[in-house]
C-alpha atoms as a PDB file:
ATOM      1  CA  UNK A   1     151.039 195.531  96.504  1.00  0.00           C
ATOM      2  CA  UNK A   2     150.097 194.547 100.023  1.00  0.00           C
ATOM      3  CA  UNK A   3     152.032 196.333 102.739  1.00  0.00           C
ATOM      4  CA  UNK A   4     152.690 193.335 104.997  1.00  0.00           C
ATOM      5  CA  UNK A   5     155.091 191.417 102.789  1.00  0.00           C
ATOM      6  CA  UNK A   6     158.649 190.341 103.580  1.00  0.00           C
ATOM      7  CA  UNK A   7     161.301 189.739 100.909  1.00  0.00           C
ATOM      8  CA  UNK A   8     164.835 188.406 101.434  1.00  0.00           C
ATOM      9  CA  UNK A   9     167.752 188.665  99.039  1.00  0.00           C
ATOM     10  CA  UNK A  10     170.361 185.979  99.679  1.00  0.00           C
ATOM     11  CA  UNK A  11     173.950 187.039  99.110  1.00  0.00           C
ATOM     12  CA  UNK A  12     176.578 184.343  98.867  1.00  0.00           C
ATOM     13  CA  UNK A  13     179.940 183.672  97.303  1.00  0.00           C
ATOM     14  CA  UNK A  14     179.457 180.612  95.123  1.00  0.00           C
ATOM     15  CA  UNK A  15     182.366 178.430  94.180  1.00  0.00           C
ATOM     16  CA  UNK A  16     183.198 175.432  92.034  1.00  0.00           C
ATOM     17  CA  UNK A  17     181.357 172.780  94.091  1.00  0.00           C
ATOM     18  CA  UNK A  18     177.670 172.644  93.131  1.00  0.00           C
ATOM     19  CA  UNK A  19     176.685 170.437  96.066  1.00  0.00           C
ATOM     20  CA  UNK A  20     178.313 172.821  98.558  1.00  0.00           C
ATOM     21  CA  UNK A  21     176.703 175.824  96.865  1.00  0.00           C
ATOM     22  CA  UNK A  22     173.263 174.179  97.082  1.00  0.00           C
ATOM     23  CA  UNK A  23     173.842 173.451 100.782  1.00  0.00           C
ATOM     24  CA  UNK A  24     174.828 177.072 101.433  1.00  0.00           C
ATOM     25  CA  UNK A  25     171.874 178.410  99.450  1.00  0.00           C
ATOM     26  CA  UNK A  26     169.513 176.084 101.327  1.00  0.00           C
ATOM     27  CA  UNK A  27     170.884 177.263 104.671  1.00  0.00           C
ATOM     28  CA  UNK A  28     170.371 180.944 103.791  1.00  0.00           C
ATOM     29  CA  UNK A  29     166.905 180.364 102.324  1.00  0.00           C
ATOM     30  CA  UNK A  30     165.931 178.513 105.508  1.00  0.00           C
ATOM     31  CA  UNK A  31     167.292 181.390 107.609  1.00  0.00           C
ATOM     32  CA  UNK A  32     165.301 183.937 105.592  1.00  0.00           C
ATOM     33  CA  UNK A  33     162.091 181.907 105.780  1.00  0.00           C
ATOM     34  CA  UNK A  34     162.642 181.412 109.505  1.00  0.00           C
ATOM     35  CA  UNK A  35     162.719 185.203 109.884  1.00  0.00           C
ATOM     36  CA  UNK A  36     159.401 185.538 108.071  1.00  0.00           C
ATOM     37  CA  UNK A  37     160.417 186.067 104.444  1.00  0.00           C
ATOM     38  CA  UNK A  38     157.613 185.046 102.105  1.00  0.00           C
ATOM     39  CA  UNK A  39     159.643 185.571  98.945  1.00  0.00           C
ATOM     40  CA  UNK A  40     163.346 184.702  98.850  1.00  0.00           C
ATOM     41  CA  UNK A  41     165.681 185.502  95.954  1.00  0.00           C
ATOM     42  CA  UNK A  42     168.993 183.771  95.273  1.00  0.00           C
ATOM     43  CA  UNK A  43     171.873 185.284  93.263  1.00  0.00           C
ATOM     44  CA  UNK A  44     172.839 184.714  89.642  1.00  0.00           C
ATOM     45  CA  UNK A  45     174.809 181.480  89.104  1.00  0.00           C
ATOM     46  CA  UNK A  46     174.365 180.493  92.756  1.00  0.00           C
ATOM     47  CA  UNK A  47     174.896 176.748  92.035  1.00  0.00           C
ATOM     48  CA  UNK A  48     178.243 177.240  90.292  1.00  0.00           C
ATOM     49  CA  UNK A  49     180.823 179.934  89.657  1.00  0.00           C
ATOM     50  CA  UNK A  50     183.843 178.504  87.906  1.00  0.00           C
ATOM     51  CA  UNK A  51     186.794 180.046  86.059  1.00  0.00           C
ATOM     52  CA  UNK A  52     186.243 177.492  83.265  1.00  0.00           C
ATOM     53  CA  UNK A  53     183.081 178.570  81.434  1.00  0.00           C
ATOM     54  CA  UNK A  54     182.567 175.079  79.981  1.00  0.00           C
ATOM     55  CA  UNK A  55     181.970 173.507  83.421  1.00  0.00           C
ATOM     56  CA  UNK A  56     178.421 174.884  83.481  1.00  0.00           C
ATOM     57  CA  UNK A  57     177.544 172.375  80.738  1.00  0.00           C
ATOM     58  CA  UNK A  58     178.150 169.554  83.226  1.00  0.00           C
ATOM     59  CA  UNK A  59     175.355 170.796  85.519  1.00  0.00           C
ATOM     60  CA  UNK A  60     172.973 172.142  82.854  1.00  0.00           C
ATOM     61  CA  UNK A  61     169.536 170.563  83.131  1.00  0.00           C
ATOM     62  CA  UNK A  62     166.569 170.179  80.832  1.00  0.00           C
ATOM     63  CA  UNK A  63     163.848 172.634  81.799  1.00  0.00           C
ATOM     64  CA  UNK A  64     161.548 170.988  84.344  1.00  0.00           C
ATOM     65  CA  UNK A  65     163.899 168.095  85.121  1.00  0.00           C
ATOM     66  CA  UNK A  66     167.057 167.666  87.127  1.00  0.00           C
ATOM     67  CA  UNK A  67     168.401 167.605  90.661  1.00  0.00           C
ATOM     68  CA  UNK A  68     168.871 171.369  91.036  1.00  0.00           C
ATOM     69  CA  UNK A  69     165.305 172.146  89.971  1.00  0.00           C
ATOM     70  CA  UNK A  70     163.916 169.308  92.105  1.00  0.00           C
ATOM     71  CA  UNK A  71     165.846 170.594  95.112  1.00  0.00           C
ATOM     72  CA  UNK A  72     164.573 174.154  94.641  1.00  0.00           C
ATOM     73  CA  UNK A  73     160.992 173.017  94.135  1.00  0.00           C
ATOM     74  CA  UNK A  74     161.088 170.878  97.283  1.00  0.00           C
ATOM     75  CA  UNK A  75     162.709 173.709  99.263  1.00  0.00           C
ATOM     76  CA  UNK A  76     159.995 176.211  98.286  1.00  0.00           C
ATOM     77  CA  UNK A  77     157.297 173.679  99.149  1.00  0.00           C
ATOM     78  CA  UNK A  78     158.842 172.629 102.475  1.00  0.00           C
ATOM     79  CA  UNK A  79     159.266 176.250 103.590  1.00  0.00           C
ATOM     80  CA  UNK A  80     155.961 177.412 102.060  1.00  0.00           C
ATOM     81  CA  UNK A  81     157.632 180.357 100.284  1.00  0.00           C
ATOM     82  CA  UNK A  82     158.039 181.860  96.843  1.00  0.00           C
ATOM     83  CA  UNK A  83     161.603 181.114  95.732  1.00  0.00           C
ATOM     84  CA  UNK A  84     163.293 183.085  92.952  1.00  0.00           C
ATOM     85  CA  UNK A  85     166.103 180.748  92.017  1.00  0.00           C
ATOM     86  CA  UNK A  86     168.732 183.320  91.028  1.00  0.00           C
ATOM     87  CA  UNK A  87     169.930 181.718  87.846  1.00  0.00           C
ATOM     88  CA  UNK A  88     170.943 178.257  86.757  1.00  0.00           C
ATOM     89  CA  UNK A  89     172.211 176.907  83.451  1.00  0.00           C
ATOM     90  CA  UNK A  90     169.581 175.076  81.431  1.00  0.00           C
ATOM     91  CA  UNK A  91     170.173 173.193  78.216  1.00  0.00           C
ATOM     92  CA  UNK A  92     169.348 175.270  75.165  1.00  0.00           C
ATOM     93  CA  UNK A  93     168.397 174.473  71.589  1.00  0.00           C
ATOM     94  CA  UNK A  94     172.069 174.874  70.675  1.00  0.00           C
ATOM     95  CA  UNK A  95     174.209 171.944  71.820  1.00  0.00           C
ATOM     96  CA  UNK A  96     177.185 174.187  72.601  1.00  0.00           C
ATOM     97  CA  UNK A  97     175.167 176.772  74.575  1.00  0.00           C
ATOM     98  CA  UNK A  98     173.059 176.943  77.726  1.00  0.00           C
ATOM     99  CA  UNK A  99     170.570 179.522  78.930  1.00  0.00           C
ATOM    100  CA  UNK A 100     171.185 181.655  82.009  1.00  0.00           C
ATOM    101  CA  UNK A 101     167.765 181.131  83.540  1.00  0.00           C
ATOM    102  CA  UNK A 102     165.824 182.402  86.539  1.00  0.00           C
ATOM    103  CA  UNK A 103     163.107 180.030  87.723  1.00  0.00           C
ATOM    104  CA  UNK A 104     160.413 180.985  90.215  1.00  0.00           C
ATOM    105  CA  UNK A 105     158.820 178.348  92.471  1.00  0.00           C
ATOM    106  CA  UNK A 106     155.605 179.009  94.375  1.00  0.00           C
ATOM    107  CA  UNK A 107     154.798 177.650  97.876  1.00  0.00           C
ATOM    108  CA  UNK A 108     153.425 174.448  96.307  1.00  0.00           C
ATOM    109  CA  UNK A 109     156.795 173.874  94.600  1.00  0.00           C
ATOM    110  CA  UNK A 110     155.399 174.594  91.134  1.00  0.00           C
ATOM    111  CA  UNK A 111     157.545 176.507  88.650  1.00  0.00           C
ATOM    112  CA  UNK A 112     155.524 179.655  87.992  1.00  0.00           C
ATOM    113  CA  UNK A 113     157.963 181.588  85.799  1.00  0.00           C
ATOM    114  CA  UNK A 114     161.033 181.143  83.650  1.00  0.00           C
ATOM    115  CA  UNK A 115     163.178 184.020  82.481  1.00  0.00           C
ATOM    116  CA  UNK A 116     166.177 183.522  80.180  1.00  0.00           C
ATOM    117  CA  UNK A 117     168.701 186.386  80.357  1.00  0.00           C
ATOM    118  CA  UNK A 118     168.298 188.557  77.272  1.00  0.00           C
ATOM    119  CA  UNK A 119     171.326 190.880  77.346  1.00  0.00           C
ATOM    120  CA  UNK A 120     174.637 189.022  77.388  1.00  0.00           C
ATOM    121  CA  UNK A 121     177.754 190.466  78.981  1.00  0.00           C
ATOM    122  CA  UNK A 122     181.189 190.895  77.448  1.00  0.00           C
ATOM    123  CA  UNK A 123     184.260 192.170  79.326  1.00  0.00           C
ATOM    124  CA  UNK A 124     188.042 192.228  78.750  1.00  0.00           C
ATOM    125  CA  UNK A 125     190.622 193.579  81.183  1.00  0.00           C
ATOM    126  CA  UNK A 126     194.100 192.125  81.106  1.00  0.00           C
ATOM    127  CA  UNK A 127     193.919 188.377  81.647  1.00  0.00           C
ATOM    128  CA  UNK A 128     190.294 188.469  82.793  1.00  0.00           C
ATOM    129  CA  UNK A 129     187.655 188.255  80.102  1.00  0.00           C
ATOM    130  CA  UNK A 130     184.024 187.209  79.750  1.00  0.00           C
ATOM    131  CA  UNK A 131     181.976 186.661  76.623  1.00  0.00           C
ATOM    132  CA  UNK A 132     178.630 185.184  77.590  1.00  0.00           C
ATOM    133  CA  UNK A 133     177.425 184.901  73.993  1.00  0.00           C
ATOM    134  CA  UNK A 134     180.107 182.284  73.300  1.00  0.00           C
ATOM    135  CA  UNK A 135     178.303 179.784  75.554  1.00  0.00           C
ATOM    136  CA  UNK A 136     174.925 181.286  76.454  1.00  0.00           C
ATOM    137  CA  UNK A 137     171.852 181.508  74.263  1.00  0.00           C
ATOM    138  CA  UNK A 138     170.086 184.823  74.843  1.00  0.00           C
ATOM    139  CA  UNK A 139     166.477 184.906  75.940  1.00  0.00           C
ATOM    140  CA  UNK A 140     163.835 186.515  73.776  1.00  0.00           C
ATOM    141  CA  UNK A 141     161.149 188.006  75.992  1.00  0.00           C
ATOM    142  CA  UNK A 142     160.536 189.883  79.225  1.00  0.00           C
ATOM    143  CA  UNK A 143     158.845 187.886  81.999  1.00  0.00           C
ATOM    144  CA  UNK A 144     156.554 188.845  84.883  1.00  0.00           C
ATOM    145  CA  UNK A 145     154.673 186.707  87.367  1.00  0.00           C
ATOM    146  CA  UNK A 146     151.883 187.368  89.821  1.00  0.00           C
ATOM    147  CA  UNK A 147     152.033 186.758  93.569  1.00  0.00           C
ATOM    148  CA  UNK A 148     149.473 187.436  96.292  1.00  0.00           C
ATOM    149  CA  UNK A 149     151.397 190.687  96.962  1.00  0.00           C
ATOM    150  CA  UNK A 150     151.647 192.007  93.418  1.00  0.00           C
ATOM    151  CA  UNK A 151     153.257 191.601  90.024  1.00  0.00           C
ATOM    152  CA  UNK A 152     156.989 190.843  89.864  1.00  0.00           C
ATOM    153  CA  UNK A 153     159.297 191.489  86.901  1.00  0.00           C
ATOM    154  CA  UNK A 154     162.483 189.524  86.274  1.00  0.00           C
ATOM    155  CA  UNK A 155     165.859 190.420  84.805  1.00  0.00           C
ATOM    156  CA  UNK A 156     169.396 189.116  85.315  1.00  0.00           C
ATOM    157  CA  UNK A 157     172.528 191.153  86.056  1.00  0.00           C
ATOM    158  CA  UNK A 158     173.657 192.921  82.840  1.00  0.00           C
ATOM    159  CA  UNK A 159     170.002 193.326  81.776  1.00  0.00           C
ATOM    160  CA  UNK A 160     169.960 196.201  84.273  1.00  0.00           C
ATOM    161  CA  UNK A 161     171.718 198.418  81.714  1.00  0.00           C
ATOM    162  CA  UNK A 162     168.869 198.184  79.192  1.00  0.00           C
ATOM    163  CA  UNK A 163     165.897 200.367  80.149  1.00  0.00           C
ATOM    164  CA  UNK A 164     163.790 199.115  77.237  1.00  0.00           C
ATOM    165  CA  UNK A 165     163.534 195.737  78.998  1.00  0.00           C
ATOM    166  CA  UNK A 166     162.063 197.367  82.089  1.00  0.00           C
ATOM    167  CA  UNK A 167     159.692 199.486  80.017  1.00  0.00           C
ATOM    168  CA  UNK A 168     158.381 196.240  78.493  1.00  0.00           C
ATOM    169  CA  UNK A 169     157.613 194.700  81.892  1.00  0.00           C
ATOM    170  CA  UNK A 170     153.899 195.163  82.339  1.00  0.00           C
ATOM    171  CA  UNK A 171     152.762 197.111  85.414  1.00  0.00           C
ATOM    172  CA  UNK A 172     155.138 195.573  87.965  1.00  0.00           C
ATOM    173  CA  UNK A 173     155.232 196.240  91.702  1.00  0.00           C
ATOM    174  CA  UNK A 174     158.640 194.663  92.316  1.00  0.00           C
ATOM    175  CA  UNK A 175     161.718 193.982  90.187  1.00  0.00           C
ATOM    176  CA  UNK A 176     164.103 191.135  90.976  1.00  0.00           C
ATOM    177  CA  UNK A 177     167.510 191.214  89.293  1.00  0.00           C
ATOM    178  CA  UNK A 178     169.821 188.386  90.471  1.00  0.00           C
ATOM    179  CA  UNK A 179     173.454 189.283  89.828  1.00  0.00           C
ATOM    180  CA  UNK A 180     176.989 187.947  90.191  1.00  0.00           C
ATOM    181  CA  UNK A 181     180.049 190.149  89.945  1.00  0.00           C
ATOM    182  CA  UNK A 182     183.792 189.601  90.045  1.00  0.00           C
ATOM    183  CA  UNK A 183     186.069 192.243  91.592  1.00  0.00           C
ATOM    184  CA  UNK A 184     187.086 193.814  88.219  1.00  0.00           C
ATOM    185  CA  UNK A 185     183.525 193.843  86.847  1.00  0.00           C
END
């Protein structure tokens, strides 16, 4: 990996308004690029965090098409950066499921990588509970992509607990693991 390389990890508290979340993400990506970041990573579920798990179906897009993906592609191109788009819901083969997907856009705005979260999270504590497998289709394979600075491996949040995934990532120089956590989790 080249030594002169600047990465930025955007941290934000996403809410229930996708348009507002996209505006906030854009602002922070612009700030990072303005400070010299060449690769910027957004958090998991940055376009929408909602207490109702079914709401994500309303913003789920077909892979390669849709306003969220178009926005991210244009943003990467306009800022001439690599953009790791945290995760967004994409339509899956199952009508009642989506994928929790990280997309990577290069400085030309081209989607260079797609990673669908493999390990799905389940949690129950009092009234708060999560069961990703009830609405998310798990991914099947590890994903890496090459940049001018080295090879990057992708994972999402709960994947971090499964070392076999990281062993399967081939000769990586950098790992990016977008995550979203609630206070109890």
